[in-house]
Amino acid sequence: MIIETTANQFYRVTETGNPDLAHVWNGVQVKRSKGAWVDKAKARIELVRKAGSKIVEK
């Protein structure tokens, strides 16, 4: 799923699978290119807060 953060950054995210980290997702920063979402150069997995984020695409 693709989300947009409050900082206007886009991430492809998945659940962490850890109940202690239920407030965050595992995410890789992405950008829109020719109608598709592609990973940004040097993108790595980060923890992304769920609060304030909105779902752009499922």
Protein backbone atom coordinates (compact mmCIF):
# COMPACT_ATOMS: atom_id res chain seq x y z
CA MET A 1 0.00 0.00 0.00
CA ILE A 2 1.23 3.54 -0.74
CA ILE A 3 0.83 6.24 1.92
CA GLU A 4 1.60 9.96 2.15
CA THR A 5 3.07 11.29 5.40
CA THR A 6 2.45 14.67 6.97
CA ALA A 7 5.80 15.72 5.47
CA ASN A 8 4.40 15.03 1.94
CA GLN A 9 6.66 12.01 1.42
CA PHE A 10 5.36 8.81 -0.19
CA TYR A 11 6.14 5.31 1.11
CA ARG A 12 5.34 1.73 0.12
CA VAL A 13 4.48 0.22 3.50
CA THR A 14 3.78 -3.12 5.21
CA GLU A 15 2.86 -4.00 8.78
CA THR A 16 5.77 -4.60 11.15
CA GLY A 17 4.32 -7.81 12.59
CA ASN A 18 5.32 -6.75 16.10
CA PRO A 19 2.54 -5.78 18.57
CA ASP A 20 4.90 -3.33 20.29
CA LEU A 21 5.29 -1.46 16.98
CA ALA A 22 1.59 -1.29 16.09
CA HIS A 23 1.83 2.52 15.70
CA VAL A 24 4.32 2.34 12.79
CA TRP A 25 4.77 0.66 9.40
CA ASN A 26 7.91 -0.66 7.67
CA GLY A 27 8.25 1.55 4.61
CA VAL A 28 10.45 2.31 1.61
CA GLN A 29 10.33 5.81 0.14
CA VAL A 30 8.90 5.89 -3.40
CA LYS A 31 8.22 8.40 -6.16
CA ARG A 32 5.74 8.57 -9.02
CA SER A 33 7.35 7.89 -12.41
CA LYS A 34 5.41 7.41 -15.65
CA GLY A 35 2.23 6.45 -13.81
CA ALA A 36 3.87 3.90 -11.51
CA TRP A 37 5.40 3.98 -8.04
CA VAL A 38 9.15 3.25 -8.05
CA ASP A 39 11.64 3.14 -5.18
CA LYS A 40 13.79 6.23 -4.81
CA ALA A 41 17.53 5.88 -5.36
CA LYS A 42 19.29 4.63 -2.22
CA ALA A 43 15.93 3.95 -0.54
CA ARG A 44 16.05 1.76 2.54
CA ILE A 45 13.49 0.36 4.96
CA GLU A 46 12.41 2.91 7.57
CA LEU A 47 9.80 3.03 10.32
CA VAL A 48 6.94 5.31 9.23
CA ARG A 49 4.40 6.68 11.74
CA LYS A 50 0.77 5.82 11.08
CA ALA A 51 -0.52 8.95 12.86
CA GLY A 52 -1.27 11.69 10.35
CA SER A 53 -0.55 9.51 7.31
CA LYS A 54 -3.14 8.99 4.61
CA ILE A 55 -3.53 6.06 2.23
CA VAL A 56 -2.97 7.05 -1.41
CA GLU A 57 -3.25 3.62 -3.06
CA LYS A 58 -3.97 0.12 -1.78
